[in-house]
Amino acid sequence: MEKPIKVKIFNHEYLIKSDEDEEQVQNIAKFLNDRFREIREDTKDLSEGKTAILAAFHIASDYFHVLKERDDLVRDIQNRARSLNYQIDSIST
């Protein structure tokens, strides 16, 4: 881990130690701020804590959606590879 990186998330400064480079850490902080801002615009009366929980829930939901898409893609690639292998095997025998 490198030296701590200062980021500002939801109007609070944090020192983040990470294996990621500084640019990536700043990109992540920007992503979080953007999510907080989106949620805050839609629900102005939420506390910071509730906004953070809602943002975490949305991010986790997006993450699980991407995992499902990845799994579907891997399954599709495996099926296509099996089909191509079958076609190659049927031609060479």
Protein backbone atom coordinates (compact mmCIF):
# COMPACT_ATOMS: atom_id res chain seq x y z
CA MET A 1 0.00 0.00 0.00
CA GLU A 2 1.14 3.46 -0.87
CA LYS A 3 0.79 6.63 1.17
CA PRO A 4 -2.77 7.58 2.09
CA ILE A 5 -4.74 9.42 -0.60
CA LYS A 6 -6.98 12.31 0.43
CA VAL A 7 -10.47 12.15 -1.06
CA LYS A 8 -13.61 14.13 -0.42
CA ILE A 9 -16.80 12.10 -0.21
CA PHE A 10 -20.11 13.73 0.58
CA ASN A 11 -18.41 16.87 1.94
CA HIS A 12 -16.10 14.92 4.24
CA GLU A 13 -12.39 14.39 3.72
CA TYR A 14 -10.94 10.92 4.15
CA LEU A 15 -7.46 9.47 3.89
CA ILE A 16 -7.70 6.24 1.94
CA LYS A 17 -4.98 3.59 1.88
CA SER A 18 -5.38 1.41 -1.15
CA ASP A 19 -3.50 -0.88 -3.52
CA GLU A 20 -5.11 1.14 -6.34
CA ASP A 21 -3.26 4.09 -7.82
CA GLU A 22 -4.31 7.62 -6.87
CA GLU A 23 -6.21 8.23 -10.09
CA GLN A 24 -8.35 5.12 -9.53
CA VAL A 25 -9.04 6.07 -5.91
CA GLN A 26 -10.13 9.54 -7.04
CA ASN A 27 -12.35 7.98 -9.74
CA ILE A 28 -14.00 5.78 -7.11
CA ALA A 29 -14.55 8.80 -4.84
CA LYS A 30 -16.10 10.70 -7.76
CA PHE A 31 -18.37 7.72 -8.52
CA LEU A 32 -19.53 7.66 -4.89
CA ASN A 33 -20.12 11.41 -4.84
CA ASP A 34 -22.12 11.18 -8.06
CA ARG A 35 -24.28 8.40 -6.58
CA PHE A 36 -24.82 10.35 -3.36
CA ARG A 37 -25.78 13.42 -5.37
CA GLU A 38 -28.29 11.44 -7.48
CA ILE A 39 -29.94 9.99 -4.40
CA ARG A 40 -29.93 13.32 -2.60
CA GLU A 41 -31.66 15.00 -5.55
CA ASP A 42 -34.40 12.35 -5.52
CA THR A 43 -34.84 12.23 -1.74
CA LYS A 44 -33.88 15.56 -0.16
CA ASP A 45 -35.10 14.70 3.35
CA LEU A 46 -32.78 11.72 3.95
CA SER A 47 -29.99 11.93 6.50
CA GLU A 48 -26.41 11.43 5.36
CA GLY A 49 -26.38 7.96 6.87
CA LYS A 50 -29.55 6.88 5.10
CA THR A 51 -28.29 8.40 1.86
CA ALA A 52 -25.07 6.40 2.23
CA ILE A 53 -27.01 3.18 2.88
CA LEU A 54 -29.25 3.79 -0.12
CA ALA A 55 -26.20 4.52 -2.30
CA ALA A 56 -24.53 1.33 -1.07
CA PHE A 57 -27.70 -0.62 -1.87
CA HIS A 58 -27.84 0.81 -5.40
CA ILE A 59 -24.14 0.11 -5.97
CA ALA A 60 -24.53 -3.46 -4.68
CA SER A 61 -27.58 -3.95 -6.90
CA ASP A 62 -25.58 -2.75 -9.93
CA TYR A 63 -22.72 -5.05 -8.94
CA PHE A 64 -24.96 -8.12 -8.74
CA HIS A 65 -26.54 -7.19 -12.07
CA VAL A 66 -23.08 -7.03 -13.67
CA LEU A 67 -22.14 -10.39 -12.10
CA LYS A 68 -25.26 -11.97 -13.60
CA GLU A 69 -24.49 -10.47 -17.01
CA ARG A 70 -20.93 -11.79 -16.77
CA ASP A 71 -22.13 -15.26 -15.79
CA ASP A 72 -24.61 -15.25 -18.68
CA LEU A 73 -21.86 -14.18 -21.08
CA VAL A 74 -19.47 -16.87 -19.81
CA ARG A 75 -22.21 -19.49 -20.19
CA ASP A 76 -22.94 -18.27 -23.74
CA ILE A 77 -19.25 -18.39 -24.67
CA GLN A 78 -18.91 -21.89 -23.24
CA ASN A 79 -21.97 -23.07 -25.20
CA ARG A 80 -20.62 -21.55 -28.41
CA ALA A 81 -17.20 -23.10 -27.83
CA ARG A 82 -18.80 -26.53 -27.27
CA SER A 83 -20.82 -26.10 -30.45
CA LEU A 84 -17.74 -25.10 -32.44
CA ASN A 85 -15.77 -28.01 -31.00
CA TYR A 86 -18.59 -30.36 -31.96
CA GLN A 87 -18.63 -28.96 -35.50
CA ILE A 88 -14.84 -29.29 -35.78
CA ASP A 89 -14.95 -32.83 -34.44
CA SER A 90 -17.73 -33.83 -36.84
CA ILE A 91 -15.74 -32.51 -39.82
CA SER A 92 -12.47 -34.19 -38.87
CA THR A 93 -13.95 -37.65 -38.34
